[in-house]
Amino acid sequence: MKAPRYANKVIKLIQQANSLAENNRHTSIQSIHLFIGASLVKEGTLKEMYYLVEPCEVEFKRLIETLSPEPSSGVRIEAFSMPLSSHAYKIWSASMDIMKRYNQTFLNEGHLIKAFFSLLSEHPQLKQGMETFPKESIIQSVATARDLTVNLLNKDWSCEEDPNVEISIVQRIEKEGFLSWVEKHFGESWFETLRSAFESSSDTIPILKAEEKGNLVGFAAYDVYMKKKGIFGPMGVLPTTRHQGVGKRLLYAALRNMKEKGYMYAVLKEAGPIEFYERTCSAKLIPLEKIQ
């Protein structure tokens, strides 16, 4: 079975799961290997997950020793060293469904952890063995949208130009057409958030658009979320235009505008996928209170 694009943390998660399966002499990747493998990555939200899971280390070892082996599904997923068990394969399939539901194109750690817990009731022995684990905190950390910060003084936020895609500020006269396009492609919630930007008396609408051959393909906004200053987002790029650098150019253009307004930091509100922002603009995860 061919895999989707992987976030870097998922690649490392898979490597950890492979090692766990091989070290325990299993003939298929077990669902518990996916979970433990995630915590052992120890980066970003998975570092928080590790801290949450660490106090349960004794229970973990006991759980691995007592769990009945899950039968193999016979399905070999690209990058795994052996087939997935039947339950692990269910988790994998569910995680890809979640990725598609969110209109994303990279499988990330949040998709896998959300799928793991959503299917836990189908594995009574594993569910019972994990009763003491901080399930809700792990889900909150890894499988929900998170806030990040960007130090705007670290870069000038210039970006290589693309002659095929033009980045510009949305004009007030474009309101109806632009908002209609946003609602069609990104939903009512973002439509409502962006509509508030046009209610401002400011000369400049804090929304940037990306156009290819005169057609809208993406946007990035700032200072519009709950009308709060210094907050970046939302940002959206059509699926057909992703992985071509459009998102990075929109992000950099918005951050450059925020820097020019005098902001020292930008808050990326409920950002996703997190790894894109960590990699593209060195965004830092704002830790959850309970994990600090």
Protein backbone atom coordinates (compact mmCIF):
# COMPACT_ATOMS: atom_id res chain seq x y z
CA MET A 1 0.00 0.00 0.00
CA LYS A 2 1.46 3.37 -1.03
CA ALA A 3 1.79 5.93 1.75
CA PRO A 4 0.87 9.62 1.63
CA ARG A 5 3.42 12.34 2.24
CA TYR A 6 4.83 12.14 5.76
CA ALA A 7 5.57 14.88 8.25
CA ASN A 8 9.14 14.51 9.54
CA LYS A 9 7.91 13.49 12.98
CA VAL A 10 5.89 10.66 11.42
CA ILE A 11 9.00 9.38 9.64
CA LYS A 12 10.77 9.28 13.01
CA LEU A 13 7.69 7.70 14.63
CA ILE A 14 7.80 4.92 12.04
CA GLN A 15 11.51 4.35 12.68
CA GLN A 16 10.83 4.03 16.41
CA ALA A 17 7.91 1.65 15.78
CA ASN A 18 10.13 -0.51 13.54
CA SER A 19 12.79 -0.72 16.27
CA LEU A 20 10.23 -1.59 18.95
CA ALA A 21 8.75 -4.38 16.83
CA GLU A 22 12.17 -5.81 15.98
CA ASN A 23 13.47 -5.58 19.56
CA ASN A 24 10.36 -7.38 20.84
CA ARG A 25 10.64 -10.00 18.08
CA HIS A 26 7.22 -9.28 16.70
CA THR A 27 6.40 -10.20 13.13
CA SER A 28 4.09 -7.23 12.59
CA ILE A 29 3.90 -3.63 13.76
CA GLN A 30 1.57 -3.61 16.76
CA SER A 31 -0.72 -0.68 17.62
CA ILE A 32 1.19 -0.10 20.87
CA HIS A 33 4.37 0.34 18.81
CA LEU A 34 2.78 3.29 17.03
CA PHE A 35 1.86 4.90 20.35
CA ILE A 36 5.18 4.34 22.09
CA GLY A 37 7.06 5.23 18.90
CA ALA A 38 5.32 8.61 18.89
CA SER A 39 6.37 9.41 22.46
CA LEU A 40 9.99 8.43 21.74
CA VAL A 41 10.34 11.03 18.97
CA LYS A 42 10.58 13.71 21.70
CA GLU A 43 10.12 16.70 19.39
CA GLY A 44 7.48 19.44 19.48
CA THR A 45 4.14 18.12 20.67
CA LEU A 46 5.64 14.63 20.88
CA LYS A 47 8.12 15.91 23.46
CA GLU A 48 5.13 16.99 25.54
CA MET A 49 3.62 13.56 24.97
CA TYR A 50 6.83 11.95 26.23
CA TYR A 51 6.68 13.99 29.44
CA LEU A 52 3.06 12.96 29.91
CA VAL A 53 3.80 9.28 29.31
CA GLU A 54 7.12 9.09 31.22
CA PRO A 55 5.48 8.69 34.69
CA CYS A 56 3.70 5.60 33.31
CA GLU A 57 6.96 3.88 32.26
CA VAL A 58 6.47 0.89 34.58
CA GLU A 59 2.90 0.40 33.35
CA PHE A 60 4.17 0.64 29.78
CA LYS A 61 6.72 -2.15 30.23
CA ARG A 62 4.15 -4.34 31.90
CA LEU A 63 1.63 -3.61 29.15
CA ILE A 64 4.05 -4.58 26.38
CA GLU A 65 4.90 -7.83 28.18
CA THR A 66 1.29 -8.85 28.82
CA LEU A 67 -0.46 -7.74 25.61
CA SER A 68 -1.54 -10.59 23.40
CA PRO A 69 0.07 -10.22 19.96
CA GLU A 70 -2.27 -8.69 17.40
CA PRO A 71 -2.65 -10.78 14.24
CA SER A 72 -0.99 -9.42 11.14
CA SER A 73 -3.10 -7.65 8.55
CA GLY A 74 -0.69 -8.82 5.87
CA VAL A 75 -0.55 -5.24 4.60
CA ARG A 76 2.90 -3.72 4.17
CA ILE A 77 2.98 0.08 4.37
CA GLU A 78 5.84 1.94 2.74
CA ALA A 79 8.63 2.81 5.26
CA PHE A 80 7.61 0.14 7.78
CA SER A 81 10.01 -2.79 8.12
CA MET A 82 7.20 -5.35 8.37
CA PRO A 83 3.42 -5.60 7.87
CA LEU A 84 1.07 -3.82 10.24
CA SER A 85 -1.11 -5.80 12.63
CA SER A 86 -4.82 -5.80 11.90
CA HIS A 87 -5.49 -3.18 14.60
CA ALA A 88 -2.48 -1.03 13.66
CA TYR A 89 -3.70 -1.07 10.08
CA LYS A 90 -7.12 0.18 11.25
CA ILE A 91 -5.37 3.03 13.05
CA TRP A 92 -3.32 3.82 9.96
CA SER A 93 -6.39 3.86 7.71
CA ALA A 94 -8.33 6.01 10.19
CA SER A 95 -5.43 8.48 10.42
CA MET A 96 -5.45 8.93 6.64
CA ASP A 97 -9.21 9.51 6.75
CA ILE A 98 -8.65 12.23 9.38
CA MET A 99 -5.94 13.81 7.21
CA LYS A 100 -8.31 13.94 4.24
CA ARG A 101 -11.17 15.24 6.39
CA TYR A 102 -9.03 18.22 7.34
CA ASN A 103 -8.12 18.74 3.69
CA GLN A 104 -4.43 18.18 4.45
CA THR A 105 -1.82 16.43 2.32
CA PHE A 106 0.81 15.40 4.90
CA LEU A 107 0.11 12.64 7.40
CA ASN A 108 1.16 14.03 10.78
CA GLU A 109 1.48 12.76 14.34
CA GLY A 110 -1.82 14.36 15.37
CA HIS A 111 -3.74 12.28 12.84
CA LEU A 112 -2.19 9.06 14.17
CA ILE A 113 -2.74 9.81 17.85
CA LYS A 114 -6.33 10.88 17.25
CA ALA A 115 -6.96 7.66 15.31
CA PHE A 116 -5.25 5.57 18.01
CA PHE A 117 -7.56 6.83 20.76
CA SER A 118 -10.67 6.78 18.56
CA LEU A 119 -10.19 3.03 18.02
CA LEU A 120 -9.03 2.13 21.53
CA SER A 121 -12.46 0.77 22.50
CA GLU A 122 -12.07 -1.89 19.78
CA HIS A 123 -9.06 -3.31 21.64
CA PRO A 124 -10.36 -4.10 25.18
CA GLN A 125 -7.06 -5.46 26.49
CA LEU A 126 -5.11 -2.39 25.36
CA LYS A 127 -7.84 -0.07 26.60
CA GLN A 128 -7.77 -1.64 30.05
CA GLY A 129 -3.98 -1.52 30.16
CA MET A 130 -4.01 2.21 29.39
CA GLU A 131 -6.62 3.26 31.95
CA THR A 132 -4.03 5.13 34.04
CA PHE A 133 -2.59 7.02 31.05
CA PRO A 134 -3.43 10.75 30.73
CA LYS A 135 -5.48 10.27 27.58
CA GLU A 136 -7.15 13.69 27.49
CA SER A 137 -3.89 15.56 28.06
CA ILE A 138 -2.16 13.60 25.29
CA ILE A 139 -4.98 14.33 22.86
CA GLN A 140 -4.95 18.00 23.83
CA SER A 141 -1.21 18.18 23.28
CA VAL A 142 -0.79 16.17 20.07
CA ALA A 143 -4.13 15.92 18.32
CA THR A 144 -5.57 19.43 18.59
CA ALA A 145 -4.62 22.75 16.98
CA ARG A 146 -1.93 24.60 18.94
CA ASP A 147 -0.65 28.15 19.28
CA LEU A 148 2.91 29.05 18.30
CA THR A 149 5.03 32.19 18.37
CA VAL A 150 7.42 33.67 15.82
CA ASN A 151 10.17 36.16 16.60
CA LEU A 152 9.68 38.70 13.81
CA LEU A 153 13.07 40.33 14.41
CA ASN A 154 15.00 37.22 13.42
CA LYS A 155 14.49 37.68 9.65
CA ASP A 156 13.63 40.28 7.06
CA TRP A 157 10.99 37.83 5.70
CA SER A 158 11.98 38.29 2.08
CA CYS A 159 11.16 35.33 -0.12
CA GLU A 160 12.12 34.18 -3.59
CA GLU A 161 9.67 35.49 -6.17
CA ASP A 162 7.60 33.25 -8.42
CA PRO A 163 6.66 34.85 -11.76
CA ASN A 164 3.61 32.59 -12.00
CA VAL A 165 2.06 33.58 -8.65
CA GLU A 166 1.37 37.15 -7.58
CA ILE A 167 1.07 38.07 -3.90
CA SER A 168 -0.84 41.27 -3.14
CA ILE A 169 -3.09 42.90 -0.54
CA VAL A 170 -6.81 42.29 -0.86
CA GLN A 171 -8.59 45.53 -1.74
CA ARG A 172 -11.83 46.66 -0.16
CA ILE A 173 -13.56 46.62 -3.55
CA GLU A 174 -12.80 42.87 -3.81
CA LYS A 175 -14.75 42.03 -0.66
CA GLU A 176 -17.72 40.13 -2.10
CA GLY A 177 -15.78 38.05 -4.61
CA PHE A 178 -12.98 37.24 -2.19
CA LEU A 179 -15.26 36.25 0.70
CA SER A 180 -17.42 34.13 -1.59
CA TRP A 181 -14.28 32.26 -2.72
CA VAL A 182 -13.16 31.74 0.89
CA GLU A 183 -16.54 30.37 1.95
CA LYS A 184 -16.60 27.98 -1.02
CA HIS A 185 -13.12 26.55 -0.47
CA PHE A 186 -12.46 26.96 3.27
CA GLY A 187 -15.84 27.09 4.98
CA GLU A 188 -18.13 29.41 6.88
CA SER A 189 -15.92 29.81 9.98
CA TRP A 190 -13.05 31.39 8.05
CA PHE A 191 -15.55 33.38 5.98
CA GLU A 192 -16.90 34.97 9.17
CA THR A 193 -13.41 35.64 10.56
CA LEU A 194 -12.21 37.32 7.38
CA ARG A 195 -15.40 39.30 6.86
CA SER A 196 -14.64 41.21 10.06
CA ALA A 197 -11.43 42.53 8.49
CA PHE A 198 -13.48 44.59 6.03
CA GLU A 199 -15.32 46.29 8.89
CA SER A 200 -12.13 48.06 9.98
CA SER A 201 -11.68 51.75 9.17
CA SER A 202 -8.01 51.10 8.37
CA ASP A 203 -6.84 52.00 4.87
CA THR A 204 -5.23 48.57 4.44
CA ILE A 205 -7.09 45.27 4.73
CA PRO A 206 -4.78 42.87 6.64
CA ILE A 207 -5.30 40.04 4.16
CA LEU A 208 -2.92 38.95 1.41
CA LYS A 209 -3.99 36.95 -1.61
CA ALA A 210 -2.11 34.71 -4.01
CA GLU A 211 -3.20 34.62 -7.64
CA GLU A 212 -2.09 32.37 -10.46
CA LYS A 213 -3.03 33.58 -13.94
CA GLY A 214 -5.58 35.90 -12.33
CA ASN A 215 -7.21 33.13 -10.27
CA LEU A 216 -7.19 33.04 -6.48
CA VAL A 217 -5.17 30.13 -5.11
CA GLY A 218 -4.51 31.17 -1.51
CA PHE A 219 -4.63 33.82 1.20
CA ALA A 220 -3.06 34.76 4.52
CA ALA A 221 -4.49 37.11 7.13
CA TYR A 222 -3.35 38.76 10.34
CA ASP A 223 -4.92 41.00 13.00
CA VAL A 224 -8.35 39.54 12.15
CA TYR A 225 -8.81 36.73 14.67
CA MET A 226 -11.24 38.17 17.24
CA LYS A 227 -9.89 41.55 16.01
CA LYS A 228 -6.78 41.03 18.15
CA LYS A 229 -3.48 42.60 17.11
CA GLY A 230 -0.36 40.51 16.54
CA ILE A 231 -2.15 37.29 15.66
CA PHE A 232 -1.38 35.59 12.34
CA GLY A 233 -4.04 33.52 10.60
CA PRO A 234 -6.00 32.05 9.15
CA MET A 235 -4.10 31.02 6.05
CA GLY A 236 -5.28 28.74 3.28
CA VAL A 237 -3.96 27.44 -0.03
CA LEU A 238 -5.97 25.38 -2.51
CA PRO A 239 -4.94 21.68 -2.43
CA THR A 240 -4.06 21.78 -6.13
CA THR A 241 -1.51 24.54 -5.47
CA ARG A 242 0.17 23.14 -2.36
CA HIS A 243 3.84 22.08 -2.19
CA GLN A 244 4.78 24.82 -4.67
CA GLY A 245 5.95 27.44 -2.16
CA VAL A 246 2.76 29.53 -2.23
CA GLY A 247 2.06 29.02 1.47
CA LYS A 248 5.58 30.07 2.42
CA ARG A 249 5.38 33.23 0.30
CA LEU A 250 2.03 34.19 1.81
CA LEU A 251 3.31 33.51 5.32
CA TYR A 252 6.48 35.55 4.82
CA ALA A 253 4.58 38.45 3.23
CA ALA A 254 2.19 38.59 6.20
CA LEU A 255 5.00 38.34 8.76
CA ARG A 256 6.91 41.09 6.94
CA ASN A 257 3.85 43.34 7.12
CA MET A 258 3.47 42.60 10.83
CA LYS A 259 7.13 43.42 11.43
CA GLU A 260 6.74 46.70 9.54
CA LYS A 261 3.81 47.57 11.82
CA GLY A 262 6.21 47.35 14.75
CA TYR A 263 5.34 43.94 16.14
CA MET A 264 8.23 42.03 17.73
CA TYR A 265 6.40 38.70 17.83
CA ALA A 266 3.52 37.09 15.99
CA VAL A 267 1.21 34.52 17.54
CA LEU A 268 0.16 31.77 15.15
CA LYS A 269 -3.30 31.00 16.46
CA GLU A 270 -4.43 27.37 16.36
CA ALA A 271 -1.87 26.64 13.68
CA GLY A 272 -1.88 23.54 11.61
CA PRO A 273 -0.06 21.66 10.38
CA ILE A 274 2.40 22.65 13.12
CA GLU A 275 5.49 21.22 11.44
CA PHE A 276 5.08 23.52 8.43
CA TYR A 277 5.43 26.57 10.68
CA GLU A 278 8.23 25.06 12.77
CA ARG A 279 10.22 24.39 9.61
CA THR A 280 9.29 27.46 7.56
CA CYS A 281 9.54 30.31 10.06
CA SER A 282 11.15 28.74 13.16
CA ALA A 283 7.86 28.96 15.06
CA LYS A 284 7.97 27.84 18.68
CA LEU A 285 5.21 25.86 20.34
CA ILE A 286 3.54 27.60 23.28
CA PRO A 287 3.60 24.89 25.99
CA LEU A 288 0.39 23.73 27.56
CA GLU A 289 0.04 24.89 31.15
CA LYS A 290 -0.16 21.41 32.66
CA ILE A 291 3.04 20.28 30.94
CA GLN A 292 5.29 23.25 31.79
